[in-house]
Amino acid sequence: MKRLKWILPALLFAAAFASAAEHRGQVIFNGFGIPGAMVTMSSGDQKIATVTDARGEYWFPNLADGPWNIRIEMQAFSSIQQDVIIGPESVAGNGN
């Protein structure tokens, strides 16, 4: 099974302007956005999922501040996951 090299430019980015923060990112493979990848954010018993759009971008508009786990899955590829902190002191970054 191939292993995707996921690039998530906004992996640790969260807006600091409201009590609920947003989280945006893009799933890329070989320089191209990957549409249809399942992106799941979970924290405690909360679980929110979305699918990447035609450019491989995803958006979670209202996440509670604190620790979250992000998991990205796509058929025929290995899944990847990472812990992130959502909130006003989050740092922008990317995952390789």
N, C-alpha and C. Protein backbone atom coordinates (compact mmCIF):
# COMPACT_ATOMS: atom_id res chain seq x y z
N MET A 1 0.84 -1.18 0.00
CA MET A 1 0.00 0.00 0.00
C MET A 1 0.89 1.25 0.00
N LYS A 2 0.56 2.20 -0.83
CA LYS A 2 1.34 3.43 -0.89
C LYS A 2 1.10 4.27 0.36
N ARG A 3 2.08 5.01 0.71
CA ARG A 3 1.94 5.93 1.84
C ARG A 3 1.97 7.35 1.29
N LEU A 4 0.90 8.08 1.47
CA LEU A 4 0.84 9.46 1.00
C LEU A 4 1.71 10.36 1.85
N LYS A 5 2.30 11.30 1.24
CA LYS A 5 3.00 12.34 1.98
C LYS A 5 2.01 13.49 2.10
N TRP A 6 1.41 13.59 3.24
CA TRP A 6 0.38 14.60 3.46
C TRP A 6 1.05 15.92 3.83
N ILE A 7 0.62 16.95 3.22
CA ILE A 7 1.10 18.27 3.58
C ILE A 7 -0.11 19.05 4.05
N LEU A 8 -0.07 19.46 5.27
CA LEU A 8 -1.18 20.18 5.87
C LEU A 8 -0.71 21.56 6.29
N PRO A 9 -0.75 22.50 5.37
CA PRO A 9 -0.20 23.82 5.66
C PRO A 9 -0.77 24.47 6.92
N ALA A 10 -1.99 24.16 7.24
CA ALA A 10 -2.59 24.81 8.40
C ALA A 10 -2.79 23.84 9.55
N LEU A 11 -1.95 22.82 9.63
CA LEU A 11 -2.16 21.77 10.62
C LEU A 11 -2.29 22.32 12.03
N LEU A 12 -1.48 23.26 12.39
CA LEU A 12 -1.54 23.80 13.75
C LEU A 12 -2.15 25.19 13.80
N PHE A 13 -2.79 25.61 12.71
CA PHE A 13 -3.32 26.96 12.65
C PHE A 13 -4.76 27.00 13.16
N ALA A 14 -5.05 27.95 13.99
CA ALA A 14 -6.42 28.17 14.43
C ALA A 14 -6.64 29.66 14.63
N ALA A 15 -7.81 30.14 14.29
CA ALA A 15 -8.11 31.55 14.45
C ALA A 15 -8.25 31.88 15.94
N ALA A 16 -7.72 33.01 16.34
CA ALA A 16 -7.74 33.39 17.74
C ALA A 16 -8.78 34.46 18.02
N PHE A 17 -9.72 34.65 17.12
CA PHE A 17 -10.65 35.76 17.22
C PHE A 17 -11.97 35.41 17.89
N ALA A 18 -12.21 34.17 18.24
CA ALA A 18 -13.47 33.77 18.86
C ALA A 18 -13.21 32.63 19.83
N SER A 19 -14.21 32.35 20.68
CA SER A 19 -14.03 31.26 21.64
C SER A 19 -13.99 29.91 20.93
N ALA A 20 -14.69 29.79 19.82
CA ALA A 20 -14.58 28.60 18.99
C ALA A 20 -13.67 28.95 17.82
N ALA A 21 -12.68 28.13 17.57
CA ALA A 21 -11.69 28.43 16.55
C ALA A 21 -11.96 27.64 15.29
N GLU A 22 -11.42 28.13 14.19
CA GLU A 22 -11.52 27.38 12.94
C GLU A 22 -10.18 26.70 12.66
N HIS A 23 -10.25 25.67 11.85
CA HIS A 23 -9.03 24.97 11.44
C HIS A 23 -9.18 24.66 9.95
N ARG A 24 -8.20 25.08 9.16
CA ARG A 24 -8.20 24.85 7.72
C ARG A 24 -6.93 24.12 7.33
N GLY A 25 -6.98 23.40 6.24
CA GLY A 25 -5.79 22.74 5.74
C GLY A 25 -6.00 22.26 4.32
N GLN A 26 -4.98 21.65 3.77
CA GLN A 26 -5.03 21.10 2.42
C GLN A 26 -4.26 19.79 2.40
N VAL A 27 -4.82 18.80 1.74
CA VAL A 27 -4.18 17.50 1.58
C VAL A 27 -3.56 17.49 0.19
N ILE A 28 -2.24 17.28 0.13
CA ILE A 28 -1.51 17.35 -1.13
C ILE A 28 -0.68 16.08 -1.31
N PHE A 29 -0.62 15.59 -2.54
CA PHE A 29 0.23 14.47 -2.91
C PHE A 29 0.91 14.81 -4.23
N ASN A 30 2.23 14.74 -4.26
CA ASN A 30 3.01 15.08 -5.45
C ASN A 30 2.66 16.46 -6.01
N GLY A 31 2.40 17.41 -5.13
CA GLY A 31 2.13 18.78 -5.54
C GLY A 31 0.70 19.07 -5.95
N PHE A 32 -0.19 18.09 -5.88
CA PHE A 32 -1.58 18.29 -6.27
C PHE A 32 -2.51 18.07 -5.09
N GLY A 33 -3.54 18.93 -4.99
CA GLY A 33 -4.56 18.76 -3.96
C GLY A 33 -5.34 17.48 -4.21
N ILE A 34 -5.65 16.76 -3.14
CA ILE A 34 -6.35 15.48 -3.22
C ILE A 34 -7.82 15.66 -2.84
N PRO A 35 -8.73 15.61 -3.82
CA PRO A 35 -10.15 15.69 -3.49
C PRO A 35 -10.65 14.36 -2.93
N GLY A 36 -11.64 14.43 -2.06
CA GLY A 36 -12.29 13.22 -1.56
C GLY A 36 -11.61 12.53 -0.39
N ALA A 37 -10.58 13.13 0.19
CA ALA A 37 -9.95 12.54 1.37
C ALA A 37 -10.83 12.83 2.60
N MET A 38 -10.99 11.84 3.46
CA MET A 38 -11.77 12.01 4.69
C MET A 38 -10.88 12.59 5.77
N VAL A 39 -11.30 13.72 6.36
CA VAL A 39 -10.55 14.37 7.42
C VAL A 39 -11.43 14.36 8.66
N THR A 40 -10.92 13.77 9.74
CA THR A 40 -11.69 13.65 10.98
C THR A 40 -10.93 14.31 12.12
N MET A 41 -11.62 15.17 12.86
CA MET A 41 -11.07 15.79 14.07
C MET A 41 -11.79 15.17 15.25
N SER A 42 -11.03 14.75 16.27
CA SER A 42 -11.66 14.19 17.46
C SER A 42 -10.99 14.73 18.71
N SER A 43 -11.83 14.95 19.72
CA SER A 43 -11.38 15.42 21.03
C SER A 43 -12.34 14.86 22.06
N GLY A 44 -11.83 13.99 22.92
CA GLY A 44 -12.71 13.34 23.90
C GLY A 44 -13.78 12.55 23.17
N ASP A 45 -15.05 12.82 23.51
CA ASP A 45 -16.15 12.11 22.84
C ASP A 45 -16.67 12.86 21.61
N GLN A 46 -16.07 14.01 21.28
CA GLN A 46 -16.46 14.76 20.09
C GLN A 46 -15.73 14.24 18.87
N LYS A 47 -16.46 14.10 17.77
CA LYS A 47 -15.86 13.65 16.52
C LYS A 47 -16.56 14.38 15.38
N ILE A 48 -15.77 15.09 14.56
CA ILE A 48 -16.31 15.86 13.45
C ILE A 48 -15.54 15.47 12.20
N ALA A 49 -16.26 15.24 11.10
CA ALA A 49 -15.59 14.80 9.88
C ALA A 49 -16.03 15.64 8.69
N THR A 50 -15.16 15.73 7.70
CA THR A 50 -15.47 16.39 6.44
C THR A 50 -14.66 15.70 5.34
N VAL A 51 -14.94 16.07 4.11
CA VAL A 51 -14.24 15.52 2.96
C VAL A 51 -13.59 16.69 2.22
N THR A 52 -12.38 16.49 1.74
CA THR A 52 -11.68 17.56 1.02
C THR A 52 -12.40 17.91 -0.27
N ASP A 53 -12.32 19.19 -0.65
CA ASP A 53 -12.98 19.65 -1.87
C ASP A 53 -12.12 19.37 -3.11
N ALA A 54 -12.47 19.94 -4.22
CA ALA A 54 -11.79 19.69 -5.49
C ALA A 54 -10.31 20.09 -5.47
N ARG A 55 -9.92 21.00 -4.57
CA ARG A 55 -8.52 21.43 -4.45
C ARG A 55 -7.80 20.74 -3.30
N GLY A 56 -8.47 19.80 -2.64
CA GLY A 56 -7.87 19.09 -1.52
C GLY A 56 -7.96 19.86 -0.22
N GLU A 57 -8.75 20.92 -0.19
CA GLU A 57 -8.86 21.76 1.01
C GLU A 57 -10.01 21.29 1.91
N TYR A 58 -9.83 21.52 3.22
CA TYR A 58 -10.87 21.21 4.19
C TYR A 58 -10.96 22.34 5.19
N TRP A 59 -12.10 22.40 5.93
CA TRP A 59 -12.33 23.49 6.87
C TRP A 59 -13.25 23.00 7.97
N PHE A 60 -12.83 23.25 9.21
CA PHE A 60 -13.67 23.01 10.38
C PHE A 60 -13.90 24.39 11.01
N PRO A 61 -15.12 24.94 10.93
CA PRO A 61 -15.35 26.33 11.35
C PRO A 61 -15.44 26.57 12.85
N ASN A 62 -15.86 25.61 13.65
CA ASN A 62 -16.12 25.87 15.08
C ASN A 62 -15.59 24.77 15.97
N LEU A 63 -14.30 24.78 16.24
CA LEU A 63 -13.71 23.78 17.13
C LEU A 63 -13.44 24.41 18.49
N ALA A 64 -13.74 23.68 19.53
CA ALA A 64 -13.43 24.15 20.89
C ALA A 64 -11.92 24.17 21.07
N ASP A 65 -11.44 25.14 21.81
CA ASP A 65 -10.01 25.22 22.11
C ASP A 65 -9.58 23.99 22.88
N GLY A 66 -8.35 23.55 22.63
CA GLY A 66 -7.80 22.42 23.35
C GLY A 66 -7.17 21.40 22.43
N PRO A 67 -6.83 20.24 22.99
CA PRO A 67 -6.17 19.19 22.19
C PRO A 67 -7.17 18.46 21.29
N TRP A 68 -6.78 18.22 20.06
CA TRP A 68 -7.55 17.47 19.08
C TRP A 68 -6.62 16.50 18.38
N ASN A 69 -7.21 15.48 17.81
CA ASN A 69 -6.47 14.55 16.97
C ASN A 69 -7.04 14.66 15.56
N ILE A 70 -6.18 14.86 14.58
CA ILE A 70 -6.62 14.94 13.19
C ILE A 70 -6.19 13.65 12.49
N ARG A 71 -7.12 13.07 11.74
CA ARG A 71 -6.86 11.83 11.00
C ARG A 71 -7.30 12.03 9.55
N ILE A 72 -6.44 11.64 8.61
CA ILE A 72 -6.74 11.79 7.19
C ILE A 72 -6.67 10.40 6.56
N GLU A 73 -7.76 10.06 5.84
CA GLU A 73 -7.85 8.75 5.21
C GLU A 73 -8.27 8.89 3.76
N MET A 74 -7.72 8.01 2.92
CA MET A 74 -8.07 7.99 1.50
C MET A 74 -7.92 6.55 1.04
N GLN A 75 -8.90 6.07 0.32
CA GLN A 75 -8.87 4.68 -0.16
C GLN A 75 -7.59 4.44 -0.96
N ALA A 76 -6.96 3.30 -0.74
CA ALA A 76 -5.72 2.84 -1.41
C ALA A 76 -4.45 3.50 -0.85
N PHE A 77 -4.58 4.32 0.20
CA PHE A 77 -3.42 4.94 0.83
C PHE A 77 -3.47 4.67 2.34
N SER A 78 -2.31 4.70 2.97
CA SER A 78 -2.25 4.58 4.43
C SER A 78 -2.82 5.85 5.05
N SER A 79 -3.51 5.70 6.17
CA SER A 79 -4.01 6.88 6.87
C SER A 79 -2.89 7.51 7.68
N ILE A 80 -3.09 8.76 8.05
CA ILE A 80 -2.11 9.48 8.86
C ILE A 80 -2.88 10.25 9.92
N GLN A 81 -2.28 10.40 11.09
CA GLN A 81 -2.92 11.18 12.15
C GLN A 81 -1.88 11.92 12.95
N GLN A 82 -2.32 12.99 13.60
CA GLN A 82 -1.43 13.81 14.41
C GLN A 82 -2.24 14.56 15.45
N ASP A 83 -1.66 14.75 16.62
CA ASP A 83 -2.29 15.55 17.66
C ASP A 83 -1.99 17.02 17.40
N VAL A 84 -3.00 17.87 17.59
CA VAL A 84 -2.85 19.31 17.41
C VAL A 84 -3.51 20.02 18.58
N ILE A 85 -3.10 21.24 18.82
CA ILE A 85 -3.73 22.09 19.83
C ILE A 85 -4.45 23.20 19.09
N ILE A 86 -5.75 23.34 19.34
CA ILE A 86 -6.55 24.39 18.73
C ILE A 86 -6.75 25.48 19.77
N GLY A 87 -6.51 26.72 19.38
CA GLY A 87 -6.73 27.83 20.29
C GLY A 87 -5.91 29.04 19.92
N PRO A 88 -6.02 30.08 20.73
CA PRO A 88 -5.37 31.34 20.43
C PRO A 88 -3.85 31.27 20.35
N GLU A 89 -3.23 30.32 21.01
CA GLU A 89 -1.77 30.24 21.00
C GLU A 89 -1.26 29.17 20.04
N SER A 90 -2.12 28.68 19.16
CA SER A 90 -1.70 27.70 18.17
C SER A 90 -0.67 28.32 17.22
N VAL A 91 0.20 27.48 16.71
CA VAL A 91 1.25 27.93 15.81
C VAL A 91 0.99 27.35 14.44
N ALA A 92 1.10 28.18 13.40
CA ALA A 92 0.93 27.68 12.03
C ALA A 92 2.08 26.74 11.71
N GLY A 93 1.79 25.72 10.93
CA GLY A 93 2.83 24.78 10.56
C GLY A 93 2.35 23.87 9.48
N ASN A 94 3.20 22.91 9.09
CA ASN A 94 2.76 21.93 8.13
C ASN A 94 3.31 20.57 8.53
N GLY A 95 2.64 19.54 8.08
CA GLY A 95 3.08 18.18 8.38
C GLY A 95 3.58 17.51 7.13
N ASN A 96 4.60 16.72 7.26
CA ASN A 96 5.16 16.00 6.12
C ASN A 96 4.99 14.52 6.33
